[in-house]
């Protein structure tokens, strides 16, 4: 196979995205408003990044965007494809970008208040939990993780190794929706600090996530369109907010597509005032989510409102892929690129296959998570 060629941010000497893009970050503005100097913020990022490396063996750096020409050809796509690869980043996915961004806000807040070590909590079945546990250990905060009964064993073992307190969640009698999220909310109501990738609970989670979009745009000339996989909606929201003027297409699977359902209910007028005032009329738990892309099985797209607004503003629209397309696209993606990306991590590419843009378009997709099961078996 012909290896994919790498594009890089031009004229970059600083490789940490949280330093390189710091002037765009909300945490940076917050620090300056609190009286911090630029150097103090850079020192904070550097110190926390060193602590991340001690825990995970990796640190934050600008990740590659690869020329996806061979992959596009294999899939029969007449486009200029660019593939943003996050599988070798901290924790093996993009999720740590979100949580590191949250940690920066937390550090600034704790410096001002003098308080530390308030227990952190997250509801997650995989990459987000691992990222949260890595960051929590790096900043020396205890963390409780609410996981489903079907969570993968390699994930649970890694969480235990990171010192996270695990809570396996089963639904209560007559309980609807995700029991993990319900237990998470109960913990937050008792005083724990939300430390997740759902912006509806952790409002600062979009901040660091935007660095991925900024990198992609700087690494890709004339980017037209981006297809991005959606579970809870934070990645899609952060990416769309970062990519001004670029059409963003959120991708879900047919076995769990609550965002597309809400979109269809609001179309064609998209009265967002009505959506905000009565969200339960448009978003409710998906019945029996199922897919090989386990990271997309959030029965509610938690950040659906900001994601919908960002998608509408970009000129994109949601795409739902069949399970057959998801699995076949993943097979081709791993075969052609040699990258150990998971079905969840390559789901955006499946969306592109399902709804290809016009010939010649410059299109970006995000390979966001490593295939942990394949890491164990190979």
Foldseek 3Di string as FASTA:
>chain_A
DDAWAWFFQPPDPDFALCLVVVVQFPLNVVLVVVPDDNVVLVVVQVLLQVLLCVQQVAGGGQFIKTFCVVLCVVLVHQAREIETEAQPHRQRFLLLLLLVQLVSNVVSVCVVVVDDQQEEEEEDQASFLLSLLSSCLSRVHAYEYEHEPPRDPVRVVSSVVSVHHYDYFDDDVPDDFDRSVVVRVVVVVVPGQYRTQQCVRRVSSLRSLLSSLLGVPSRDPQAAEEQEEAALCSNLLSNLVNDPQHAYEYEAEPLADLLQQLVVVCPDVNPLVVCVVCVVVRWDFDPRRDAQLVRRRRRTNNPSSSSVVSNVNNVYYYAYAYRVLLVVSVVSVCVRNVAQAGSNQCRSVSRCSVPPDDRHHYYYYYRGGGDVVVVVPD
